Amino acid sequence: MDISLLVNLSSRAWSLDILAALASGTPGRQTTLLSATGAGRSAFAGSLANLLDMRLIERNPGHGHPLRPEFRLTADGERAAGIACRIKGLVHDPSEGALIRRTWTVPILAVTDRPRFFGEIRHELRNISDRSLSGSLRQLEDRRWIRRHVDVEARPPRPTYEAADLGADLSLAIGLAPDGPSSERKASRANSSGR
């Protein structure tokens, strides 16, 4: 999955929850998915429509009433659901789940697999405003999912941001990092921690 697809997927709060529920065997009817995710009806409907538009889910032909259809994962949806399940497997606290459902959390964690300047993150995410990025980074720092480091030797001093602690585990679970030293370092850390 590329970053633009991940941004689109994360733009609706309950998309990852719906994908994870379908992958875990929850029947693909709206009532069962609503119950499994705990979403409100309007937010759920928007997330479901987004998943249909992205072709990550589809109506299950021959199943369900036309006004109460049943849904299933597409082949692309299966891959996205794998990411959703890995993320959901790491997040246990309700406040962490609420932060994961925020629009920019998952994409920011995906691109901060290594130290990045503010402008680099903004460039990777393209559509994010400075204000949204700044606010999201602050929330992730407060949760200690992002570590901010200021190089005081640079002129002018410039901060870098890197996923840390649970944020680093989530970044690894998202798995957008290309092969290279950063990926090798994360794979080594995951193996040494028993994951």
N, C-alpha and C. Protein backbone atom coordinates (compact mmCIF):
# COMPACT_ATOMS: atom_id res chain seq x y z
N MET A 1 0.85 -1.18 0.00
CA MET A 1 0.00 0.00 0.00
C MET A 1 0.89 1.24 0.00
N ASP A 2 0.59 2.18 -0.90
CA ASP A 2 1.39 3.40 -0.93
C ASP A 2 0.78 4.45 0.00
N ILE A 3 1.54 5.52 0.20
CA ILE A 3 1.14 6.52 1.19
C ILE A 3 -0.15 7.24 0.79
N SER A 4 -0.38 7.49 -0.50
CA SER A 4 -1.61 8.19 -0.88
C SER A 4 -2.84 7.33 -0.59
N LEU A 5 -2.73 6.03 -0.79
CA LEU A 5 -3.83 5.12 -0.46
C LEU A 5 -4.05 5.09 1.05
N LEU A 6 -2.96 5.08 1.81
CA LEU A 6 -3.06 5.07 3.27
C LEU A 6 -3.71 6.36 3.78
N VAL A 7 -3.36 7.49 3.18
CA VAL A 7 -3.97 8.77 3.56
C VAL A 7 -5.47 8.73 3.28
N ASN A 8 -5.86 8.22 2.12
CA ASN A 8 -7.27 8.12 1.76
C ASN A 8 -7.99 7.17 2.72
N LEU A 9 -7.38 6.06 3.04
CA LEU A 9 -7.97 5.09 3.97
C LEU A 9 -8.16 5.71 5.35
N SER A 10 -7.18 6.47 5.81
CA SER A 10 -7.22 7.07 7.15
C SER A 10 -8.11 8.30 7.24
N SER A 11 -8.60 8.76 6.10
CA SER A 11 -9.42 9.97 6.10
C SER A 11 -10.78 9.75 6.76
N ARG A 12 -11.18 8.52 6.93
CA ARG A 12 -12.43 8.18 7.61
C ARG A 12 -12.11 7.39 8.87
N ALA A 13 -12.66 7.81 9.97
CA ALA A 13 -12.27 7.32 11.29
C ALA A 13 -12.38 5.81 11.48
N TRP A 14 -13.38 5.18 10.91
CA TRP A 14 -13.64 3.78 11.24
C TRP A 14 -13.22 2.80 10.15
N SER A 15 -12.54 3.28 9.13
CA SER A 15 -12.16 2.40 8.02
C SER A 15 -11.28 1.24 8.47
N LEU A 16 -10.24 1.52 9.26
CA LEU A 16 -9.35 0.45 9.72
C LEU A 16 -10.10 -0.54 10.60
N ASP A 17 -10.99 -0.04 11.45
CA ASP A 17 -11.77 -0.92 12.33
C ASP A 17 -12.67 -1.85 11.52
N ILE A 18 -13.29 -1.31 10.48
CA ILE A 18 -14.18 -2.13 9.64
C ILE A 18 -13.38 -3.21 8.94
N LEU A 19 -12.24 -2.84 8.37
CA LEU A 19 -11.40 -3.82 7.68
C LEU A 19 -10.94 -4.92 8.64
N ALA A 20 -10.50 -4.51 9.84
CA ALA A 20 -10.03 -5.50 10.82
C ALA A 20 -11.16 -6.42 11.25
N ALA A 21 -12.36 -5.86 11.43
CA ALA A 21 -13.52 -6.69 11.83
C ALA A 21 -13.86 -7.71 10.75
N LEU A 22 -13.87 -7.28 9.48
CA LEU A 22 -14.15 -8.21 8.39
C LEU A 22 -13.08 -9.30 8.31
N ALA A 23 -11.83 -8.91 8.48
CA ALA A 23 -10.74 -9.89 8.40
C ALA A 23 -10.79 -10.89 9.55
N SER A 24 -11.31 -10.46 10.69
CA SER A 24 -11.37 -11.36 11.85
C SER A 24 -12.60 -12.25 11.83
N GLY A 25 -13.43 -12.15 10.79
CA GLY A 25 -14.56 -13.05 10.64
C GLY A 25 -15.91 -12.48 11.04
N THR A 26 -15.96 -11.19 11.37
CA THR A 26 -17.25 -10.58 11.67
C THR A 26 -18.11 -10.60 10.41
N PRO A 27 -19.35 -11.07 10.51
CA PRO A 27 -20.21 -11.07 9.32
C PRO A 27 -20.31 -9.66 8.73
N GLY A 28 -20.34 -9.57 7.42
CA GLY A 28 -20.27 -8.30 6.72
C GLY A 28 -21.55 -7.52 6.61
N ARG A 29 -22.46 -7.68 7.58
CA ARG A 29 -23.68 -6.87 7.58
C ARG A 29 -23.45 -5.63 8.43
N GLN A 30 -24.16 -4.56 8.09
CA GLN A 30 -23.95 -3.29 8.78
C GLN A 30 -24.17 -3.39 10.28
N THR A 31 -25.21 -4.09 10.71
CA THR A 31 -25.49 -4.14 12.15
C THR A 31 -24.39 -4.86 12.91
N THR A 32 -23.87 -5.95 12.35
CA THR A 32 -22.81 -6.67 13.06
C THR A 32 -21.50 -5.88 13.04
N LEU A 33 -21.23 -5.19 11.93
CA LEU A 33 -20.02 -4.37 11.86
C LEU A 33 -20.12 -3.16 12.79
N LEU A 34 -21.31 -2.56 12.85
CA LEU A 34 -21.52 -1.44 13.78
C LEU A 34 -21.26 -1.89 15.22
N SER A 35 -21.78 -3.04 15.56
CA SER A 35 -21.60 -3.57 16.91
C SER A 35 -20.13 -3.89 17.19
N ALA A 36 -19.46 -4.49 16.22
CA ALA A 36 -18.06 -4.90 16.41
C ALA A 36 -17.12 -3.70 16.53
N THR A 37 -17.42 -2.61 15.80
CA THR A 37 -16.52 -1.46 15.81
C THR A 37 -16.86 -0.45 16.90
N GLY A 38 -18.13 -0.36 17.28
CA GLY A 38 -18.54 0.64 18.26
C GLY A 38 -18.69 2.03 17.65
N ALA A 39 -18.76 2.11 16.34
CA ALA A 39 -18.86 3.40 15.64
C ALA A 39 -20.28 3.95 15.72
N GLY A 40 -20.40 5.26 15.59
CA GLY A 40 -21.70 5.89 15.44
C GLY A 40 -22.19 5.67 14.02
N ARG A 41 -23.51 5.73 13.82
CA ARG A 41 -24.07 5.39 12.51
C ARG A 41 -23.58 6.28 11.37
N SER A 42 -23.54 7.59 11.57
CA SER A 42 -23.15 8.46 10.46
C SER A 42 -21.66 8.32 10.14
N ALA A 43 -20.81 8.23 11.17
CA ALA A 43 -19.38 8.05 10.93
C ALA A 43 -19.12 6.69 10.28
N PHE A 44 -19.86 5.67 10.72
CA PHE A 44 -19.73 4.34 10.14
C PHE A 44 -20.12 4.36 8.67
N ALA A 45 -21.24 5.01 8.35
CA ALA A 45 -21.71 5.07 6.96
C ALA A 45 -20.68 5.75 6.06
N GLY A 46 -20.08 6.83 6.53
CA GLY A 46 -19.04 7.51 5.76
C GLY A 46 -17.82 6.63 5.54
N SER A 47 -17.42 5.90 6.57
CA SER A 47 -16.27 5.00 6.44
C SER A 47 -16.56 3.86 5.48
N LEU A 48 -17.77 3.30 5.58
CA LEU A 48 -18.17 2.21 4.70
C LEU A 48 -18.19 2.67 3.24
N ALA A 49 -18.75 3.86 3.00
CA ALA A 49 -18.80 4.41 1.64
C ALA A 49 -17.39 4.64 1.11
N ASN A 50 -16.49 5.11 1.96
CA ASN A 50 -15.10 5.34 1.55
C ASN A 50 -14.44 4.02 1.15
N LEU A 51 -14.67 2.98 1.93
CA LEU A 51 -14.09 1.67 1.61
C LEU A 51 -14.64 1.12 0.30
N LEU A 52 -15.92 1.34 0.05
CA LEU A 52 -16.52 0.93 -1.23
C LEU A 52 -15.91 1.72 -2.38
N ASP A 53 -15.76 3.05 -2.23
CA ASP A 53 -15.17 3.89 -3.26
C ASP A 53 -13.73 3.48 -3.57
N MET A 54 -13.00 3.07 -2.53
CA MET A 54 -11.61 2.66 -2.70
C MET A 54 -11.50 1.23 -3.23
N ARG A 55 -12.64 0.56 -3.32
CA ARG A 55 -12.70 -0.83 -3.79
C ARG A 55 -11.92 -1.78 -2.87
N LEU A 56 -11.98 -1.49 -1.57
CA LEU A 56 -11.39 -2.39 -0.59
C LEU A 56 -12.43 -3.38 -0.06
N ILE A 57 -13.70 -3.00 -0.19
CA ILE A 57 -14.80 -3.91 0.09
C ILE A 57 -15.79 -3.85 -1.07
N GLU A 58 -16.64 -4.87 -1.14
CA GLU A 58 -17.67 -4.91 -2.18
C GLU A 58 -18.91 -5.58 -1.62
N ARG A 59 -20.02 -5.34 -2.29
CA ARG A 59 -21.25 -6.05 -1.90
C ARG A 59 -21.08 -7.52 -2.25
N ASN A 60 -21.51 -8.36 -1.33
CA ASN A 60 -21.43 -9.79 -1.55
C ASN A 60 -22.61 -10.19 -2.42
N PRO A 61 -22.38 -10.55 -3.69
CA PRO A 61 -23.51 -10.84 -4.58
C PRO A 61 -24.31 -12.04 -4.10
N GLY A 62 -25.63 -11.88 -4.14
CA GLY A 62 -26.51 -12.98 -3.74
C GLY A 62 -26.73 -13.10 -2.26
N HIS A 63 -26.14 -12.20 -1.46
CA HIS A 63 -26.32 -12.26 -0.01
C HIS A 63 -26.89 -10.94 0.49
N GLY A 64 -27.83 -11.04 1.40
CA GLY A 64 -28.39 -9.85 2.02
C GLY A 64 -29.52 -9.25 1.21
N HIS A 65 -30.33 -8.52 1.90
CA HIS A 65 -31.45 -7.79 1.30
C HIS A 65 -30.89 -6.56 0.60
N PRO A 66 -31.48 -6.10 -0.51
CA PRO A 66 -30.95 -4.92 -1.21
C PRO A 66 -30.79 -3.69 -0.31
N LEU A 67 -31.68 -3.54 0.67
CA LEU A 67 -31.56 -2.40 1.58
C LEU A 67 -30.65 -2.69 2.77
N ARG A 68 -30.31 -3.96 2.97
CA ARG A 68 -29.41 -4.36 4.05
C ARG A 68 -28.36 -5.32 3.48
N PRO A 69 -27.46 -4.79 2.63
CA PRO A 69 -26.52 -5.67 1.94
C PRO A 69 -25.45 -6.24 2.87
N GLU A 70 -24.81 -7.26 2.39
CA GLU A 70 -23.67 -7.85 3.08
C GLU A 70 -22.42 -7.46 2.29
N PHE A 71 -21.32 -7.23 2.99
CA PHE A 71 -20.08 -6.80 2.35
C PHE A 71 -18.98 -7.82 2.59
N ARG A 72 -18.02 -7.81 1.69
CA ARG A 72 -16.84 -8.67 1.84
C ARG A 72 -15.62 -7.92 1.35
N LEU A 73 -14.45 -8.40 1.76
CA LEU A 73 -13.19 -7.79 1.36
C LEU A 73 -12.86 -8.15 -0.09
N THR A 74 -12.29 -7.20 -0.82
CA THR A 74 -11.75 -7.49 -2.14
C THR A 74 -10.30 -7.97 -1.95
N ALA A 75 -9.62 -8.30 -3.04
CA ALA A 75 -8.22 -8.72 -2.93
C ALA A 75 -7.37 -7.59 -2.35
N ASP A 76 -7.57 -6.35 -2.83
CA ASP A 76 -6.85 -5.20 -2.26
C ASP A 76 -7.26 -4.98 -0.81
N GLY A 77 -8.53 -5.22 -0.52
CA GLY A 77 -9.03 -5.09 0.84
C GLY A 77 -8.38 -6.07 1.79
N GLU A 78 -8.10 -7.27 1.31
CA GLU A 78 -7.41 -8.28 2.14
C GLU A 78 -6.05 -7.76 2.58
N ARG A 79 -5.32 -7.14 1.65
CA ARG A 79 -4.00 -6.60 1.99
C ARG A 79 -4.12 -5.45 2.99
N ALA A 80 -5.08 -4.56 2.75
CA ALA A 80 -5.29 -3.43 3.66
C ALA A 80 -5.76 -3.93 5.02
N ALA A 81 -6.58 -4.97 5.03
CA ALA A 81 -7.08 -5.54 6.28
C ALA A 81 -5.93 -6.15 7.10
N GLY A 82 -4.92 -6.68 6.41
CA GLY A 82 -3.75 -7.19 7.12
C GLY A 82 -3.06 -6.10 7.92
N ILE A 83 -2.92 -4.92 7.31
CA ILE A 83 -2.33 -3.78 8.01
C ILE A 83 -3.23 -3.37 9.17
N ALA A 84 -4.54 -3.31 8.92
CA ALA A 84 -5.50 -2.92 9.96
C ALA A 84 -5.43 -3.87 11.14
N CYS A 85 -5.33 -5.17 10.88
CA CYS A 85 -5.25 -6.15 11.96
C CYS A 85 -3.97 -6.01 12.77
N ARG A 86 -2.85 -5.74 12.08
CA ARG A 86 -1.59 -5.55 12.80
C ARG A 86 -1.67 -4.31 13.70
N ILE A 87 -2.27 -3.24 13.18
CA ILE A 87 -2.43 -2.02 13.98
C ILE A 87 -3.33 -2.29 15.18
N LYS A 88 -4.49 -2.90 14.93
CA LYS A 88 -5.44 -3.18 16.02
C LYS A 88 -4.83 -4.12 17.05
N GLY A 89 -3.94 -5.00 16.64
CA GLY A 89 -3.29 -5.92 17.57
C GLY A 89 -2.34 -5.23 18.52
N LEU A 90 -1.87 -4.04 18.17
CA LEU A 90 -0.94 -3.30 19.01
C LEU A 90 -1.63 -2.28 19.92
N VAL A 91 -2.84 -1.89 19.56
CA VAL A 91 -3.54 -0.82 20.27
C VAL A 91 -4.63 -1.43 21.15
N HIS A 92 -4.47 -1.27 22.46
CA HIS A 92 -5.41 -1.90 23.39
C HIS A 92 -6.22 -0.89 24.21
N ASP A 93 -5.65 0.25 24.47
CA ASP A 93 -6.30 1.27 25.29
C ASP A 93 -7.28 2.07 24.43
N PRO A 94 -8.49 2.37 24.93
CA PRO A 94 -9.46 3.14 24.14
C PRO A 94 -8.94 4.51 23.69
N SER A 95 -8.12 5.16 24.52
CA SER A 95 -7.59 6.47 24.11
C SER A 95 -6.58 6.31 22.98
N GLU A 96 -5.86 5.19 22.96
CA GLU A 96 -4.95 4.92 21.84
C GLU A 96 -5.76 4.65 20.57
N GLY A 97 -6.86 3.91 20.71
CA GLY A 97 -7.74 3.66 19.56
C GLY A 97 -8.30 4.94 18.99
N ALA A 98 -8.66 5.89 19.87
CA ALA A 98 -9.18 7.18 19.41
C ALA A 98 -8.12 7.95 18.64
N LEU A 99 -6.87 7.87 19.09
CA LEU A 99 -5.78 8.57 18.40
C LEU A 99 -5.50 7.93 17.04
N ILE A 100 -5.57 6.61 16.97
CA ILE A 100 -5.37 5.90 15.69
C ILE A 100 -6.45 6.31 14.68
N ARG A 101 -7.66 6.57 15.15
CA ARG A 101 -8.76 6.93 14.24
C ARG A 101 -8.67 8.36 13.73
N ARG A 102 -7.77 9.18 14.28
CA ARG A 102 -7.61 10.55 13.78
C ARG A 102 -6.99 10.50 12.39
N THR A 103 -7.39 11.41 11.54
CA THR A 103 -7.05 11.38 10.12
C THR A 103 -5.57 11.19 9.82
N TRP A 104 -4.69 11.91 10.47
CA TRP A 104 -3.28 11.90 10.06
C TRP A 104 -2.38 11.01 10.89
N THR A 105 -2.87 10.38 11.94
CA THR A 105 -2.01 9.59 12.83
C THR A 105 -1.28 8.48 12.08
N VAL A 106 -2.01 7.61 11.41
CA VAL A 106 -1.39 6.45 10.75
C VAL A 106 -0.44 6.89 9.63
N PRO A 107 -0.83 7.83 8.75
CA PRO A 107 0.12 8.26 7.72
C PRO A 107 1.40 8.89 8.29
N ILE A 108 1.27 9.68 9.36
CA ILE A 108 2.47 10.29 9.96
C ILE A 108 3.38 9.21 10.53
N LEU A 109 2.81 8.25 11.23
CA LEU A 109 3.63 7.16 11.77
C LEU A 109 4.29 6.36 10.65
N ALA A 110 3.59 6.21 9.54
CA ALA A 110 4.14 5.46 8.41
C ALA A 110 5.39 6.11 7.84
N VAL A 111 5.42 7.44 7.78
CA VAL A 111 6.56 8.13 7.14
C VAL A 111 7.65 8.54 8.12
N THR A 112 7.42 8.34 9.42
CA THR A 112 8.46 8.70 10.40
C THR A 112 9.18 7.45 10.90
N ASP A 113 9.37 6.49 10.02
CA ASP A 113 10.11 5.28 10.37
C ASP A 113 11.59 5.60 10.62
N ARG A 114 12.02 6.78 10.21
CA ARG A 114 13.37 7.29 10.44
C ARG A 114 13.24 8.78 10.72
N PRO A 115 14.27 9.43 11.26
CA PRO A 115 14.15 10.87 11.56
C PRO A 115 13.81 11.67 10.31
N ARG A 116 12.80 12.52 10.43
CA ARG A 116 12.35 13.35 9.31
C ARG A 116 12.16 14.78 9.79
N PHE A 117 12.50 15.73 8.90
CA PHE A 117 12.20 17.13 9.17
C PHE A 117 10.72 17.37 8.90
N PHE A 118 10.18 18.41 9.50
CA PHE A 118 8.79 18.80 9.32
C PHE A 118 8.44 18.89 7.83
N GLY A 119 9.27 19.58 7.06
CA GLY A 119 9.02 19.76 5.63
C GLY A 119 9.03 18.44 4.86
N GLU A 120 9.86 17.50 5.28
CA GLU A 120 9.89 16.19 4.63
C GLU A 120 8.59 15.43 4.86
N ILE A 121 8.10 15.51 6.10
CA ILE A 121 6.83 14.83 6.42
C ILE A 121 5.71 15.46 5.60
N ARG A 122 5.66 16.79 5.58
CA ARG A 122 4.62 17.50 4.82
C ARG A 122 4.70 17.13 3.34
N HIS A 123 5.91 17.03 2.79
CA HIS A 123 6.08 16.67 1.38
C HIS A 123 5.58 15.24 1.12
N GLU A 124 5.88 14.31 2.01
CA GLU A 124 5.42 12.92 1.85
C GLU A 124 3.90 12.83 1.87
N LEU A 125 3.27 13.63 2.74
CA LEU A 125 1.81 13.53 2.91
C LEU A 125 1.04 14.45 1.98
N ARG A 126 1.71 15.31 1.28
CA ARG A 126 1.17 16.19 0.24
C ARG A 126 -0.01 17.06 0.65
N ASN A 127 -1.14 16.49 1.01
CA ASN A 127 -2.36 17.27 1.25
C ASN A 127 -2.47 17.84 2.65
N ILE A 128 -1.55 17.54 3.53
CA ILE A 128 -1.67 17.99 4.91
C ILE A 128 -1.27 19.47 5.02
N SER A 129 -2.03 20.21 5.82
CA SER A 129 -1.68 21.61 6.06
C SER A 129 -0.64 21.67 7.18
N ASP A 130 0.08 22.80 7.23
CA ASP A 130 1.07 22.98 8.30
C ASP A 130 0.41 22.87 9.67
N ARG A 131 -0.77 23.47 9.79
CA ARG A 131 -1.48 23.45 11.07
C ARG A 131 -1.87 22.03 11.48
N SER A 132 -2.40 21.26 10.54
CA SER A 132 -2.78 19.88 10.85
C SER A 132 -1.57 19.04 11.21
N LEU A 133 -0.48 19.21 10.47
CA LEU A 133 0.73 18.44 10.76
C LEU A 133 1.29 18.81 12.12
N SER A 134 1.35 20.09 12.42
CA SER A 134 1.87 20.55 13.70
C SER A 134 1.03 20.01 14.86
N GLY A 135 -0.29 20.10 14.74
CA GLY A 135 -1.17 19.60 15.79
C GLY A 135 -1.07 18.10 15.96
N SER A 136 -0.99 17.38 14.86
CA SER A 136 -0.88 15.92 14.92
C SER A 136 0.44 15.50 15.55
N LEU A 137 1.53 16.15 15.16
CA LEU A 137 2.83 15.83 15.75
C LEU A 137 2.82 16.09 17.25
N ARG A 138 2.19 17.17 17.67
CA ARG A 138 2.12 17.49 19.09
C ARG A 138 1.36 16.40 19.85
N GLN A 139 0.23 15.94 19.30
CA GLN A 139 -0.54 14.88 19.95
C GLN A 139 0.26 13.59 20.03
N LEU A 140 0.99 13.27 18.96
CA LEU A 140 1.79 12.05 18.96
C LEU A 140 2.97 12.16 19.91
N GLU A 141 3.55 13.36 20.02
CA GLU A 141 4.62 13.58 21.01
C GLU A 141 4.08 13.42 22.43
N ASP A 142 2.90 13.99 22.70
CA ASP A 142 2.31 13.89 24.03
C ASP A 142 2.07 12.43 24.42
N ARG A 143 1.72 11.60 23.45
CA ARG A 143 1.49 10.17 23.69
C ARG A 143 2.80 9.39 23.70
N ARG A 144 3.89 10.06 23.31
CA ARG A 144 5.22 9.46 23.20
C ARG A 144 5.32 8.44 22.06
N TRP A 145 4.50 8.66 21.03
CA TRP A 145 4.57 7.82 19.83
C TRP A 145 5.53 8.43 18.80
N ILE A 146 5.88 9.70 19.00
CA ILE A 146 6.84 10.41 18.16
C ILE A 146 7.86 11.05 19.10
N ARG A 147 9.11 10.94 18.72
CA ARG A 147 10.17 11.60 19.48
C ARG A 147 10.69 12.77 18.64
N ARG A 148 10.75 13.93 19.27
CA ARG A 148 11.26 15.15 18.61
C ARG A 148 12.67 15.39 19.11
N HIS A 149 13.58 15.57 18.16
CA HIS A 149 14.98 15.82 18.51
C HIS A 149 15.42 17.10 17.80
N VAL A 150 16.00 18.02 18.58
CA VAL A 150 16.48 19.27 18.00
C VAL A 150 18.00 19.23 17.93
N ASP A 151 18.52 19.37 16.72
CA ASP A 151 19.97 19.42 16.52
C ASP A 151 20.42 20.86 16.76
N VAL A 152 20.96 21.11 17.94
CA VAL A 152 21.35 22.48 18.29
C VAL A 152 22.63 22.90 17.58
N GLU A 153 23.35 21.96 16.99
CA GLU A 153 24.57 22.29 16.24
C GLU A 153 24.24 22.84 14.85
N ALA A 154 23.06 22.51 14.33
CA ALA A 154 22.67 23.00 13.00
C ALA A 154 22.35 24.49 13.09
N ARG A 155 22.52 25.18 11.97
CA ARG A 155 22.21 26.60 11.91
C ARG A 155 21.20 26.83 10.82
N PRO A 156 19.98 27.22 11.10
CA PRO A 156 19.40 27.32 12.44
C PRO A 156 19.06 25.92 12.97
N PRO A 157 18.92 25.80 14.30
CA PRO A 157 18.56 24.50 14.86
C PRO A 157 17.24 24.01 14.26
N ARG A 158 17.22 22.74 13.87
CA ARG A 158 16.02 22.18 13.22
C ARG A 158 15.63 20.89 13.93
N PRO A 159 14.35 20.76 14.25
CA PRO A 159 13.91 19.50 14.88
C PRO A 159 13.66 18.41 13.83
N THR A 160 13.89 17.18 14.24
CA THR A 160 13.49 16.02 13.46
C THR A 160 12.49 15.24 14.29
N TYR A 161 11.68 14.46 13.60
CA TYR A 161 10.64 13.67 14.23
C TYR A 161 10.80 12.22 13.81
N GLU A 162 10.69 11.31 14.79
CA GLU A 162 10.81 9.89 14.49
C GLU A 162 9.84 9.11 15.37
N ALA A 163 9.20 8.11 14.78
CA ALA A 163 8.30 7.25 15.55
C ALA A 163 9.09 6.58 16.67
N ALA A 164 8.48 6.50 17.86
CA ALA A 164 9.16 5.94 19.03
C ALA A 164 8.19 5.07 19.81
N ASP A 165 8.74 4.16 20.59
CA ASP A 165 7.96 3.29 21.47
C ASP A 165 6.83 2.61 20.68
N LEU A 166 5.59 2.72 21.16
CA LEU A 166 4.48 2.09 20.45
C LEU A 166 4.33 2.68 19.04
N GLY A 167 4.65 3.95 18.87
CA GLY A 167 4.60 4.57 17.55
C GLY A 167 5.53 3.88 16.57
N ALA A 168 6.73 3.49 17.03
CA ALA A 168 7.67 2.77 16.17
C ALA A 168 7.13 1.39 15.82
N ASP A 169 6.50 0.73 16.79
CA ASP A 169 5.89 -0.58 16.51
C ASP A 169 4.76 -0.44 15.50
N LEU A 170 3.97 0.61 15.63
CA LEU A 170 2.89 0.85 14.68
C LEU A 170 3.44 1.17 13.29
N SER A 171 4.51 1.97 13.23
CA SER A 171 5.14 2.29 11.95
C SER A 171 5.61 1.02 11.26
N LEU A 172 6.20 0.13 12.03
CA LEU A 172 6.66 -1.15 11.49
C LEU A 172 5.48 -2.00 11.03
N ALA A 173 4.40 -2.00 11.80
CA ALA A 173 3.20 -2.78 11.44
C ALA A 173 2.56 -2.26 10.16
N ILE A 174 2.60 -0.95 9.94
CA ILE A 174 2.05 -0.36 8.73
C ILE A 174 2.86 -0.84 7.53
N GLY A 175 4.17 -0.87 7.69
CA GLY A 175 5.04 -1.50 6.70
C GLY A 175 5.21 -0.78 5.38
N LEU A 176 5.18 0.55 5.37
CA LEU A 176 5.38 1.28 4.12
C LEU A 176 6.84 1.55 3.82
N ALA A 177 7.72 1.34 4.80
CA ALA A 177 9.13 1.69 4.62
C ALA A 177 9.75 0.86 3.51
N PRO A 178 10.49 1.51 2.60
CA PRO A 178 11.18 0.75 1.56
C PRO A 178 12.33 -0.04 2.17
N ASP A 179 12.82 -1.03 1.44
CA ASP A 179 13.97 -1.79 1.92
C ASP A 179 15.15 -0.84 2.04
N GLY A 180 15.91 -1.03 3.07
CA GLY A 180 17.07 -0.17 3.29
C GLY A 180 17.49 -0.23 4.73
N PRO A 181 18.45 0.62 5.13
CA PRO A 181 18.99 0.58 6.48
C PRO A 181 17.93 0.78 7.54
N SER A 182 16.97 1.70 7.30
CA SER A 182 15.92 1.95 8.29
C SER A 182 15.09 0.70 8.51
N SER A 183 14.74 0.02 7.42
CA SER A 183 13.93 -1.20 7.51
C SER A 183 14.69 -2.30 8.22
N GLU A 184 16.00 -2.43 7.89
CA GLU A 184 16.80 -3.45 8.53
C GLU A 184 16.89 -3.19 10.03
N ARG A 185 17.05 -1.92 10.42
CA ARG A 185 17.13 -1.58 11.83
C ARG A 185 15.84 -1.96 12.54
N LYS A 186 14.70 -1.64 11.93
CA LYS A 186 13.41 -1.95 12.54
C LYS A 186 13.17 -3.45 12.61
N ALA A 187 13.54 -4.17 11.55
CA ALA A 187 13.37 -5.62 11.55
C ALA A 187 14.22 -6.23 12.64
N SER A 188 15.43 -5.72 12.82
CA SER A 188 16.31 -6.22 13.87
C SER A 188 15.72 -5.95 15.24
N ARG A 189 15.15 -4.74 15.43
CA ARG A 189 14.54 -4.41 16.72
C ARG A 189 13.34 -5.29 16.99
N ALA A 190 12.51 -5.54 15.96
CA ALA A 190 11.32 -6.38 16.14
C ALA A 190 11.72 -7.80 16.50
N ASN A 191 12.79 -8.32 15.85
CA ASN A 191 13.24 -9.67 16.16
C ASN A 191 13.81 -9.76 17.57
N SER A 192 14.54 -8.74 17.99
CA SER A 192 15.13 -8.78 19.33
C SER A 192 14.08 -8.63 20.42
N SER A 193 12.92 -8.00 20.10
CA SER A 193 11.87 -7.84 21.12
C SER A 193 10.92 -9.02 21.12
N GLY A 194 11.17 -10.01 20.25
CA GLY A 194 10.34 -11.22 20.26
C GLY A 194 9.10 -11.12 19.43
N ARG A 195 9.00 -10.12 18.55
CA ARG A 195 7.80 -9.99 17.70
C ARG A 195 8.05 -10.63 16.38
